[in-house]
């Protein structure tokens, strides 16, 4: 059961504050923001998804296929996946989702 819902952009803002407090570099925080915002734009335009509750493993898989079909290198696609996993792991740690609901654990 989802404890609460949150917009993906709001979740990203929360994660950025936590990442900065943890001492992550500006470069890392900016990279995560850049890649996650591209992912969010895809989710909104292709699936009308803007909140964490709506995100399912299939959407992440479809995004990976979409990026590969665009000609993106495997290493580039993997950066997206690492950023998405970090966001979902953060959401789990903040009790927005349970481990069983984490869409990156497929």
PDB file of N, CA and C in Angstrom:
ATOM      1  N   UNK A   1       0.837  -1.179   0.000  1.00  0.00           N
ATOM      2  CA  UNK A   1       0.000   0.000   0.000  1.00  0.00           C
ATOM      3  C   UNK A   1       0.884   1.245   0.000  1.00  0.00           C
ATOM      4  N   UNK A   2       0.579   2.168  -0.870  1.00  0.00           N
ATOM      5  CA  UNK A   2       1.305   3.424  -0.956  1.00  0.00           C
ATOM      6  C   UNK A   2       0.907   4.308   0.221  1.00  0.00           C
ATOM      7  N   UNK A   3       1.883   4.811   0.934  1.00  0.00           N
ATOM      8  CA  UNK A   3       1.589   5.630   2.102  1.00  0.00           C
ATOM      9  C   UNK A   3       1.037   6.993   1.705  1.00  0.00           C
ATOM     10  N   UNK A   4       1.619   7.601   0.700  1.00  0.00           N
ATOM     11  CA  UNK A   4       1.162   8.899   0.226  1.00  0.00           C
ATOM     12  C   UNK A   4       1.641   9.061  -1.207  1.00  0.00           C
ATOM     13  N   UNK A   5       1.000   9.929  -1.936  1.00  0.00           N
ATOM     14  CA  UNK A   5       1.436  10.163  -3.309  1.00  0.00           C
ATOM     15  C   UNK A   5       2.170  11.499  -3.356  1.00  0.00           C
ATOM     16  N   UNK A   6       3.028  11.630  -4.348  1.00  0.00           N
ATOM     17  CA  UNK A   6       3.803  12.847  -4.506  1.00  0.00           C
ATOM     18  C   UNK A   6       4.097  13.019  -5.993  1.00  0.00           C
ATOM     19  N   UNK A   7       4.113  14.262  -6.441  1.00  0.00           N
ATOM     20  CA  UNK A   7       4.522  14.538  -7.813  1.00  0.00           C
ATOM     21  C   UNK A   7       5.988  14.167  -7.970  1.00  0.00           C
ATOM     22  N   UNK A   8       6.342  13.646  -9.121  1.00  0.00           N
ATOM     23  CA  UNK A   8       7.723  13.249  -9.356  1.00  0.00           C
ATOM     24  C   UNK A   8       8.671  14.436  -9.232  1.00  0.00           C
ATOM     25  N   UNK A   9       8.263  15.609  -9.702  1.00  0.00           N
ATOM     26  CA  UNK A   9       9.124  16.793  -9.603  1.00  0.00           C
ATOM     27  C   UNK A   9       9.323  17.209  -8.139  1.00  0.00           C
ATOM     28  N   UNK A  10       8.296  17.073  -7.321  1.00  0.00           N
ATOM     29  CA  UNK A  10       8.441  17.387  -5.895  1.00  0.00           C
ATOM     30  C   UNK A  10       9.361  16.386  -5.210  1.00  0.00           C
ATOM     31  N   UNK A  11       9.242  15.128  -5.595  1.00  0.00           N
ATOM     32  CA  UNK A  11      10.116  14.098  -5.050  1.00  0.00           C
ATOM     33  C   UNK A  11      11.569  14.385  -5.412  1.00  0.00           C
ATOM     34  N   UNK A  12      11.802  14.807  -6.640  1.00  0.00           N
ATOM     35  CA  UNK A  12      13.151  15.160  -7.074  1.00  0.00           C
ATOM     36  C   UNK A  12      13.698  16.311  -6.231  1.00  0.00           C
ATOM     37  N   UNK A  13      12.898  17.320  -5.990  1.00  0.00           N
ATOM     38  CA  UNK A  13      13.356  18.453  -5.168  1.00  0.00           C
ATOM     39  C   UNK A  13      13.739  17.987  -3.761  1.00  0.00           C
ATOM     40  N   UNK A  14      12.933  17.127  -3.176  1.00  0.00           N
ATOM     41  CA  UNK A  14      13.250  16.589  -1.855  1.00  0.00           C
ATOM     42  C   UNK A  14      14.553  15.800  -1.887  1.00  0.00           C
ATOM     43  N   UNK A  15      14.717  14.971  -2.918  1.00  0.00           N
ATOM     44  CA  UNK A  15      15.923  14.159  -3.031  1.00  0.00           C
ATOM     45  C   UNK A  15      17.155  15.041  -3.178  1.00  0.00           C
ATOM     46  N   UNK A  16      17.038  16.128  -3.940  1.00  0.00           N
ATOM     47  CA  UNK A  16      18.172  17.037  -4.123  1.00  0.00           C
ATOM     48  C   UNK A  16      18.612  17.656  -2.797  1.00  0.00           C
ATOM     49  N   UNK A  17      17.657  18.052  -1.970  1.00  0.00           N
ATOM     50  CA  UNK A  17      17.995  18.616  -0.663  1.00  0.00           C
ATOM     51  C   UNK A  17      18.742  17.582   0.176  1.00  0.00           C
ATOM     52  N   UNK A  18      18.223  16.367   0.190  1.00  0.00           N
ATOM     53  CA  UNK A  18      18.857  15.292   0.951  1.00  0.00           C
ATOM     54  C   UNK A  18      20.249  14.985   0.393  1.00  0.00           C
ATOM     55  N   UNK A  19      20.374  14.930  -0.926  1.00  0.00           N
ATOM     56  CA  UNK A  19      21.676  14.640  -1.541  1.00  0.00           C
ATOM     57  C   UNK A  19      22.705  15.709  -1.189  1.00  0.00           C
ATOM     58  N   UNK A  20      22.292  16.968  -1.221  1.00  0.00           N
ATOM     59  CA  UNK A  20      23.202  18.057  -0.850  1.00  0.00           C
ATOM     60  C   UNK A  20      23.593  17.949   0.628  1.00  0.00           C
ATOM     61  N   UNK A  21      22.622  17.614   1.477  1.00  0.00           N
ATOM     62  CA  UNK A  21      22.898  17.451   2.906  1.00  0.00           C
ATOM     63  C   UNK A  21      23.853  16.283   3.148  1.00  0.00           C
ATOM     64  N   UNK A  22      23.772  15.263   2.291  1.00  0.00           N
ATOM     65  CA  UNK A  22      24.665  14.099   2.402  1.00  0.00           C
ATOM     66  C   UNK A  22      26.054  14.387   1.860  1.00  0.00           C
ATOM     67  N   UNK A  23      26.218  15.544   1.208  1.00  0.00           N
ATOM     68  CA  UNK A  23      27.535  15.921   0.714  1.00  0.00           C
ATOM     69  C   UNK A  23      27.829  15.512  -0.717  1.00  0.00           C
ATOM     70  N   UNK A  24      26.790  15.141  -1.482  1.00  0.00           N
ATOM     71  CA  UNK A  24      27.039  14.826  -2.891  1.00  0.00           C
ATOM     72  C   UNK A  24      27.459  16.103  -3.619  1.00  0.00           C
ATOM     73  N   UNK A  25      28.269  15.948  -4.631  1.00  0.00           N
ATOM     74  CA  UNK A  25      28.765  17.108  -5.360  1.00  0.00           C
ATOM     75  C   UNK A  25      27.659  17.752  -6.187  1.00  0.00           C
ATOM     76  N   UNK A  26      27.856  19.044  -6.489  1.00  0.00           N
ATOM     77  CA  UNK A  26      26.903  19.743  -7.354  1.00  0.00           C
ATOM     78  C   UNK A  26      26.777  19.036  -8.696  1.00  0.00           C
ATOM     79  N   UNK A  27      27.895  18.528  -9.192  1.00  0.00           N
ATOM     80  CA  UNK A  27      27.899  17.839 -10.483  1.00  0.00           C
ATOM     81  C   UNK A  27      26.958  16.632 -10.458  1.00  0.00           C
ATOM     82  N   UNK A  28      27.013  15.856  -9.399  1.00  0.00           N
ATOM     83  CA  UNK A  28      26.159  14.670  -9.272  1.00  0.00           C
ATOM     84  C   UNK A  28      24.689  15.068  -9.153  1.00  0.00           C
ATOM     85  N   UNK A  29      24.404  16.063  -8.337  1.00  0.00           N
ATOM     86  CA  UNK A  29      23.024  16.515  -8.142  1.00  0.00           C
ATOM     87  C   UNK A  29      22.462  17.051  -9.455  1.00  0.00           C
ATOM     88  N   UNK A  30      23.253  17.833 -10.182  1.00  0.00           N
ATOM     89  CA  UNK A  30      22.804  18.390 -11.462  1.00  0.00           C
ATOM     90  C   UNK A  30      22.600  17.299 -12.504  1.00  0.00           C
ATOM     91  N   UNK A  31      23.487  16.303 -12.518  1.00  0.00           N
ATOM     92  CA  UNK A  31      23.342  15.183 -13.460  1.00  0.00           C
ATOM     93  C   UNK A  31      22.046  14.429 -13.191  1.00  0.00           C
ATOM     94  N   UNK A  32      21.793  14.126 -11.921  1.00  0.00           N
ATOM     95  CA  UNK A  32      20.546  13.430 -11.562  1.00  0.00           C
ATOM     96  C   UNK A  32      19.342  14.236 -12.008  1.00  0.00           C
ATOM     97  N   UNK A  33      19.359  15.542 -11.755  1.00  0.00           N
ATOM     98  CA  UNK A  33      18.250  16.416 -12.140  1.00  0.00           C
ATOM     99  C   UNK A  33      18.042  16.381 -13.651  1.00  0.00           C
ATOM    100  N   UNK A  34      19.099  16.531 -14.398  1.00  0.00           N
ATOM    101  CA  UNK A  34      19.015  16.558 -15.866  1.00  0.00           C
ATOM    102  C   UNK A  34      18.387  15.270 -16.402  1.00  0.00           C
ATOM    103  N   UNK A  35      18.899  14.141 -15.974  1.00  0.00           N
ATOM    104  CA  UNK A  35      18.411  12.863 -16.483  1.00  0.00           C
ATOM    105  C   UNK A  35      16.994  12.557 -16.011  1.00  0.00           C
ATOM    106  N   UNK A  36      16.696  12.872 -14.763  1.00  0.00           N
ATOM    107  CA  UNK A  36      15.351  12.605 -14.258  1.00  0.00           C
ATOM    108  C   UNK A  36      14.313  13.512 -14.894  1.00  0.00           C
ATOM    109  N   UNK A  37      14.655  14.761 -15.145  1.00  0.00           N
ATOM    110  CA  UNK A  37      13.695  15.646 -15.814  1.00  0.00           C
ATOM    111  C   UNK A  37      13.400  15.175 -17.237  1.00  0.00           C
ATOM    112  N   UNK A  38      14.408  14.633 -17.922  1.00  0.00           N
ATOM    113  CA  UNK A  38      14.157  14.061 -19.259  1.00  0.00           C
ATOM    114  C   UNK A  38      13.214  12.860 -19.141  1.00  0.00           C
ATOM    115  N   UNK A  39      13.433  12.034 -18.135  1.00  0.00           N
ATOM    116  CA  UNK A  39      12.563  10.881 -17.891  1.00  0.00           C
ATOM    117  C   UNK A  39      11.146  11.346 -17.566  1.00  0.00           C
ATOM    118  N   UNK A  40      11.005  12.367 -16.730  1.00  0.00           N
ATOM    119  CA  UNK A  40       9.682  12.885 -16.366  1.00  0.00           C
ATOM    120  C   UNK A  40       8.949  13.438 -17.586  1.00  0.00           C
ATOM    121  N   UNK A  41       9.676  14.129 -18.465  1.00  0.00           N
ATOM    122  CA  UNK A  41       9.047  14.662 -19.684  1.00  0.00           C
ATOM    123  C   UNK A  41       8.512  13.525 -20.550  1.00  0.00           C
ATOM    124  N   UNK A  42       9.301  12.450 -20.672  1.00  0.00           N
ATOM    125  CA  UNK A  42       8.850  11.276 -21.413  1.00  0.00           C
ATOM    126  C   UNK A  42       7.579  10.705 -20.771  1.00  0.00           C
ATOM    127  N   UNK A  43       7.604  10.507 -19.454  1.00  0.00           N
ATOM    128  CA  UNK A  43       6.446   9.935 -18.762  1.00  0.00           C
ATOM    129  C   UNK A  43       5.193  10.773 -18.977  1.00  0.00           C
ATOM    130  N   UNK A  44       5.346  12.089 -18.903  1.00  0.00           N
ATOM    131  CA  UNK A  44       4.203  12.976 -19.066  1.00  0.00           C
ATOM    132  C   UNK A  44       3.692  12.956 -20.508  1.00  0.00           C
ATOM    133  N   UNK A  45       4.601  13.041 -21.468  1.00  0.00           N
ATOM    134  CA  UNK A  45       4.161  13.126 -22.871  1.00  0.00           C
ATOM    135  C   UNK A  45       3.657  11.794 -23.422  1.00  0.00           C
ATOM    136  N   UNK A  46       4.252  10.702 -23.021  1.00  0.00           N
ATOM    137  CA  UNK A  46       3.884   9.392 -23.579  1.00  0.00           C
ATOM    138  C   UNK A  46       2.816   8.660 -22.761  1.00  0.00           C
ATOM    139  N   UNK A  47       2.766   8.920 -21.458  1.00  0.00           N
ATOM    140  CA  UNK A  47       1.867   8.145 -20.590  1.00  0.00           C
ATOM    141  C   UNK A  47       1.010   9.017 -19.675  1.00  0.00           C
ATOM    142  N   UNK A  48       1.152  10.327 -19.746  1.00  0.00           N
ATOM    143  CA  UNK A  48       0.435  11.261 -18.862  1.00  0.00           C
ATOM    144  C   UNK A  48       0.661  10.936 -17.385  1.00  0.00           C
ATOM    145  N   UNK A  49       1.890  10.589 -17.068  1.00  0.00           N
ATOM    146  CA  UNK A  49       2.269  10.250 -15.691  1.00  0.00           C
ATOM    147  C   UNK A  49       3.054  11.412 -15.099  1.00  0.00           C
ATOM    148  N   UNK A  50       2.612  11.871 -13.923  1.00  0.00           N
ATOM    149  CA  UNK A  50       3.320  12.951 -13.232  1.00  0.00           C
ATOM    150  C   UNK A  50       3.577  12.639 -11.759  1.00  0.00           C
ATOM    151  N   UNK A  51       2.986  11.554 -11.247  1.00  0.00           N
ATOM    152  CA  UNK A  51       3.149  11.246  -9.825  1.00  0.00           C
ATOM    153  C   UNK A  51       3.769   9.868  -9.623  1.00  0.00           C
ATOM    154  N   UNK A  52       4.351   9.703  -8.473  1.00  0.00           N
ATOM    155  CA  UNK A  52       5.016   8.452  -8.127  1.00  0.00           C
ATOM    156  C   UNK A  52       4.049   7.279  -8.145  1.00  0.00           C
ATOM    157  N   UNK A  53       2.841   7.486  -7.657  1.00  0.00           N
ATOM    158  CA  UNK A  53       1.847   6.412  -7.581  1.00  0.00           C
ATOM    159  C   UNK A  53       1.577   5.774  -8.939  1.00  0.00           C
ATOM    160  N   UNK A  54       1.670   6.565  -9.987  1.00  0.00           N
ATOM    161  CA  UNK A  54       1.355   6.083 -11.335  1.00  0.00           C
ATOM    162  C   UNK A  54       2.506   5.308 -11.994  1.00  0.00           C
ATOM    163  N   UNK A  55       3.699   5.481 -11.494  1.00  0.00           N
ATOM    164  CA  UNK A  55       4.884   4.889 -12.118  1.00  0.00           C
ATOM    165  C   UNK A  55       4.936   3.379 -11.882  1.00  0.00           C
ATOM    166  N   UNK A  56       5.056   2.624 -12.970  1.00  0.00           N
ATOM    167  CA  UNK A  56       5.126   1.166 -12.909  1.00  0.00           C
ATOM    168  C   UNK A  56       6.409   0.686 -13.606  1.00  0.00           C
ATOM    169  N   UNK A  57       6.852  -0.527 -13.299  1.00  0.00           N
ATOM    170  CA  UNK A  57       8.059  -1.045 -13.954  1.00  0.00           C
ATOM    171  C   UNK A  57       7.981  -1.004 -15.479  1.00  0.00           C
ATOM    172  N   UNK A  58       6.808  -1.245 -16.044  1.00  0.00           N
ATOM    173  CA  UNK A  58       6.668  -1.258 -17.494  1.00  0.00           C
ATOM    174  C   UNK A  58       7.027   0.102 -18.095  1.00  0.00           C
ATOM    175  N   UNK A  59       6.725   1.188 -17.394  1.00  0.00           N
ATOM    176  CA  UNK A  59       7.047   2.516 -17.914  1.00  0.00           C
ATOM    177  C   UNK A  59       8.552   2.738 -17.985  1.00  0.00           C
ATOM    178  N   UNK A  60       9.268   2.228 -17.006  1.00  0.00           N
ATOM    179  CA  UNK A  60      10.731   2.342 -17.010  1.00  0.00           C
ATOM    180  C   UNK A  60      11.306   1.519 -18.149  1.00  0.00           C
ATOM    181  N   UNK A  61      10.801   0.306 -18.320  1.00  0.00           N
ATOM    182  CA  UNK A  61      11.278  -0.554 -19.413  1.00  0.00           C
ATOM    183  C   UNK A  61      10.989   0.078 -20.772  1.00  0.00           C
ATOM    184  N   UNK A  62       9.793   0.647 -20.927  1.00  0.00           N
ATOM    185  CA  UNK A  62       9.445   1.296 -22.194  1.00  0.00           C
ATOM    186  C   UNK A  62      10.354   2.491 -22.463  1.00  0.00           C
ATOM    187  N   UNK A  63      10.711   3.220 -21.418  1.00  0.00           N
ATOM    188  CA  UNK A  63      11.617   4.355 -21.582  1.00  0.00           C
ATOM    189  C   UNK A  63      12.997   3.885 -22.036  1.00  0.00           C
ATOM    190  N   UNK A  64      13.478   2.802 -21.454  1.00  0.00           N
ATOM    191  CA  UNK A  64      14.793   2.268 -21.845  1.00  0.00           C
ATOM    192  C   UNK A  64      14.774   1.867 -23.331  1.00  0.00           C
ATOM    193  N   UNK A  65      13.711   1.226 -23.755  1.00  0.00           N
ATOM    194  CA  UNK A  65      13.568   0.838 -25.168  1.00  0.00           C
ATOM    195  C   UNK A  65      13.506   2.085 -26.045  1.00  0.00           C
ATOM    196  N   UNK A  66      12.753   3.082 -25.616  1.00  0.00           N
ATOM    197  CA  UNK A  66      12.629   4.343 -26.345  1.00  0.00           C
ATOM    198  C   UNK A  66      14.001   4.984 -26.551  1.00  0.00           C
ATOM    199  N   UNK A  67      14.800   5.051 -25.484  1.00  0.00           N
ATOM    200  CA  UNK A  67      16.130   5.669 -25.595  1.00  0.00           C
ATOM    201  C   UNK A  67      17.039   4.847 -26.521  1.00  0.00           C
ATOM    202  N   UNK A  68      16.968   3.525 -26.415  1.00  0.00           N
ATOM    203  CA  UNK A  68      17.787   2.671 -27.282  1.00  0.00           C
ATOM    204  C   UNK A  68      17.373   2.835 -28.741  1.00  0.00           C
ATOM    205  N   UNK A  69      16.076   2.937 -28.987  1.00  0.00           N
ATOM    206  CA  UNK A  69      15.582   3.132 -30.351  1.00  0.00           C
ATOM    207  C   UNK A  69      15.977   4.489 -30.913  1.00  0.00           C
ATOM    208  N   UNK A  70      16.223   5.447 -30.046  1.00  0.00           N
ATOM    209  CA  UNK A  70      16.724   6.757 -30.470  1.00  0.00           C
ATOM    210  C   UNK A  70      18.201   6.700 -30.856  1.00  0.00           C
ATOM    211  N   UNK A  71      18.831   5.566 -30.550  1.00  0.00           N
ATOM    212  CA  UNK A  71      20.245   5.404 -30.872  1.00  0.00           C
ATOM    213  C   UNK A  71      21.176   5.667 -29.707  1.00  0.00           C
ATOM    214  N   UNK A  72      20.616   5.786 -28.523  1.00  0.00           N
ATOM    215  CA  UNK A  72      21.440   6.046 -27.337  1.00  0.00           C
ATOM    216  C   UNK A  72      22.313   4.836 -27.028  1.00  0.00           C
ATOM    217  N   UNK A  73      23.532   5.101 -26.620  1.00  0.00           N
ATOM    218  CA  UNK A  73      24.460   4.038 -26.234  1.00  0.00           C
ATOM    219  C   UNK A  73      23.978   3.375 -24.951  1.00  0.00           C
ATOM    220  N   UNK A  74      24.333   2.125 -24.788  1.00  0.00           N
ATOM    221  CA  UNK A  74      23.950   1.359 -23.596  1.00  0.00           C
ATOM    222  C   UNK A  74      24.405   2.070 -22.324  1.00  0.00           C
ATOM    223  N   UNK A  75      25.614   2.611 -22.331  1.00  0.00           N
ATOM    224  CA  UNK A  75      26.131   3.299 -21.142  1.00  0.00           C
ATOM    225  C   UNK A  75      25.290   4.536 -20.807  1.00  0.00           C
ATOM    226  N   UNK A  76      24.807   5.239 -21.832  1.00  0.00           N
ATOM    227  CA  UNK A  76      23.965   6.420 -21.636  1.00  0.00           C
ATOM    228  C   UNK A  76      22.617   6.016 -21.045  1.00  0.00           C
ATOM    229  N   UNK A  77      22.048   4.965 -21.566  1.00  0.00           N
ATOM    230  CA  UNK A  77      20.761   4.458 -21.065  1.00  0.00           C
ATOM    231  C   UNK A  77      20.914   4.011 -19.612  1.00  0.00           C
ATOM    232  N   UNK A  78      22.050   3.424 -19.285  1.00  0.00           N
ATOM    233  CA  UNK A  78      22.287   2.963 -17.914  1.00  0.00           C
ATOM    234  C   UNK A  78      22.382   4.118 -16.927  1.00  0.00           C
ATOM    235  N   UNK A  79      22.824   5.293 -17.374  1.00  0.00           N
ATOM    236  CA  UNK A  79      22.846   6.463 -16.498  1.00  0.00           C
ATOM    237  C   UNK A  79      21.413   6.817 -16.096  1.00  0.00           C
ATOM    238  N   UNK A  80      20.501   6.773 -17.052  1.00  0.00           N
ATOM    239  CA  UNK A  80      19.090   7.019 -16.736  1.00  0.00           C
ATOM    240  C   UNK A  80      18.603   6.024 -15.686  1.00  0.00           C
ATOM    241  N   UNK A  81      18.909   4.771 -15.908  1.00  0.00           N
ATOM    242  CA  UNK A  81      18.439   3.734 -14.998  1.00  0.00           C
ATOM    243  C   UNK A  81      18.995   3.944 -13.589  1.00  0.00           C
ATOM    244  N   UNK A  82      20.262   4.307 -13.474  1.00  0.00           N
ATOM    245  CA  UNK A  82      20.843   4.566 -12.150  1.00  0.00           C
ATOM    246  C   UNK A  82      20.150   5.742 -11.461  1.00  0.00           C
ATOM    247  N   UNK A  83      19.849   6.782 -12.216  1.00  0.00           N
ATOM    248  CA  UNK A  83      19.167   7.955 -11.649  1.00  0.00           C
ATOM    249  C   UNK A  83      17.744   7.608 -11.211  1.00  0.00           C
ATOM    250  N   UNK A  84      17.047   6.832 -12.030  1.00  0.00           N
ATOM    251  CA  UNK A  84      15.677   6.415 -11.698  1.00  0.00           C
ATOM    252  C   UNK A  84      15.694   5.534 -10.449  1.00  0.00           C
ATOM    253  N   UNK A  85      16.663   4.618 -10.385  1.00  0.00           N
ATOM    254  CA  UNK A  85      16.776   3.758  -9.197  1.00  0.00           C
ATOM    255  C   UNK A  85      17.064   4.584  -7.945  1.00  0.00           C
ATOM    256  N   UNK A  86      17.924   5.580  -8.075  1.00  0.00           N
ATOM    257  CA  UNK A  86      18.238   6.437  -6.922  1.00  0.00           C
ATOM    258  C   UNK A  86      16.986   7.157  -6.438  1.00  0.00           C
ATOM    259  N   UNK A  87      16.192   7.665  -7.356  1.00  0.00           N
ATOM    260  CA  UNK A  87      14.960   8.365  -6.989  1.00  0.00           C
ATOM    261  C   UNK A  87      13.987   7.418  -6.285  1.00  0.00           C
ATOM    262  N   UNK A  88      13.815   6.232  -6.828  1.00  0.00           N
ATOM    263  CA  UNK A  88      12.880   5.275  -6.244  1.00  0.00           C
ATOM    264  C   UNK A  88      13.381   4.763  -4.893  1.00  0.00           C
ATOM    265  N   UNK A  89      14.674   4.586  -4.761  1.00  0.00           N
ATOM    266  CA  UNK A  89      15.253   4.167  -3.484  1.00  0.00           C
ATOM    267  C   UNK A  89      15.055   5.273  -2.443  1.00  0.00           C
ATOM    268  N   UNK A  90      15.202   6.522  -2.872  1.00  0.00           N
ATOM    269  CA  UNK A  90      14.942   7.640  -1.977  1.00  0.00           C
ATOM    270  C   UNK A  90      13.473   7.628  -1.540  1.00  0.00           C
ATOM    271  N   UNK A  91      12.556   7.442  -2.493  1.00  0.00           N
ATOM    272  CA  UNK A  91      11.126   7.404  -2.187  1.00  0.00           C
ATOM    273  C   UNK A  91      10.811   6.292  -1.186  1.00  0.00           C
ATOM    274  N   UNK A  92      11.480   5.174  -1.347  1.00  0.00           N
ATOM    275  CA  UNK A  92      11.293   4.053  -0.417  1.00  0.00           C
ATOM    276  C   UNK A  92      11.806   4.429   0.974  1.00  0.00           C
ATOM    277  N   UNK A  93      12.965   5.041   1.028  1.00  0.00           N
ATOM    278  CA  UNK A  93      13.551   5.447   2.304  1.00  0.00           C
ATOM    279  C   UNK A  93      12.716   6.486   3.038  1.00  0.00           C
ATOM    280  N   UNK A  94      11.989   7.296   2.283  1.00  0.00           N
ATOM    281  CA  UNK A  94      11.130   8.328   2.875  1.00  0.00           C
ATOM    282  C   UNK A  94       9.691   7.836   3.073  1.00  0.00           C
ATOM    283  N   UNK A  95       9.461   6.563   2.850  1.00  0.00           N
ATOM    284  CA  UNK A  95       8.156   5.907   3.055  1.00  0.00           C
ATOM    285  C   UNK A  95       7.062   6.408   2.122  1.00  0.00           C
ATOM    286  N   UNK A  96       7.443   6.863   0.933  1.00  0.00           N
ATOM    287  CA  UNK A  96       6.434   7.165  -0.085  1.00  0.00           C
ATOM    288  C   UNK A  96       5.970   5.867  -0.745  1.00  0.00           C
ATOM    289  N   UNK A  97       6.862   4.883  -0.770  1.00  0.00           N
ATOM    290  CA  UNK A  97       6.556   3.547  -1.288  1.00  0.00           C
ATOM    291  C   UNK A  97       7.235   2.521  -0.396  1.00  0.00           C
ATOM    292  N   UNK A  98       6.759   1.296  -0.472  1.00  0.00           N
ATOM    293  CA  UNK A  98       7.409   0.191   0.244  1.00  0.00           C
ATOM    294  C   UNK A  98       8.400  -0.460  -0.716  1.00  0.00           C
ATOM    295  N   UNK A  99       9.226  -1.325  -0.192  1.00  0.00           N
ATOM    296  CA  UNK A  99      10.191  -2.049  -1.029  1.00  0.00           C
ATOM    297  C   UNK A  99       9.458  -2.840  -2.122  1.00  0.00           C
ATOM    298  N   UNK A 100       8.313  -3.391  -1.784  1.00  0.00           N
ATOM    299  CA  UNK A 100       7.546  -4.179  -2.751  1.00  0.00           C
ATOM    300  C   UNK A 100       6.970  -3.306  -3.856  1.00  0.00           C
ATOM    301  N   UNK A 101       6.759  -2.034  -3.579  1.00  0.00           N
ATOM    302  CA  UNK A 101       6.191  -1.117  -4.566  1.00  0.00           C
ATOM    303  C   UNK A 101       7.257  -0.421  -5.408  1.00  0.00           C
ATOM    304  N   UNK A 102       8.513  -0.625  -5.080  1.00  0.00           N
ATOM    305  CA  UNK A 102       9.580   0.051  -5.806  1.00  0.00           C
ATOM    306  C   UNK A 102       9.601  -0.440  -7.246  1.00  0.00           C
ATOM    307  N   UNK A 103       9.293   0.449  -8.219  1.00  0.00           N
ATOM    308  CA  UNK A 103       9.182   0.016  -9.611  1.00  0.00           C
ATOM    309  C   UNK A 103      10.511  -0.345 -10.268  1.00  0.00           C
ATOM    310  N   UNK A 104      11.615  -0.095  -9.594  1.00  0.00           N
ATOM    311  CA  UNK A 104      12.917  -0.457 -10.176  1.00  0.00           C
ATOM    312  C   UNK A 104      13.366  -1.848  -9.761  1.00  0.00           C
ATOM    313  N   UNK A 105      12.597  -2.508  -8.937  1.00  0.00           N
ATOM    314  CA  UNK A 105      12.961  -3.864  -8.486  1.00  0.00           C
ATOM    315  C   UNK A 105      12.237  -4.910  -9.310  1.00  0.00           C
ATOM    316  N   UNK A 106      12.528  -4.928 -10.593  1.00  0.00           N
ATOM    317  CA  UNK A 106      11.887  -5.893 -11.485  1.00  0.00           C
ATOM    318  C   UNK A 106      12.884  -6.857 -12.031  1.00  0.00           C
TER     319      UNK A 106
END
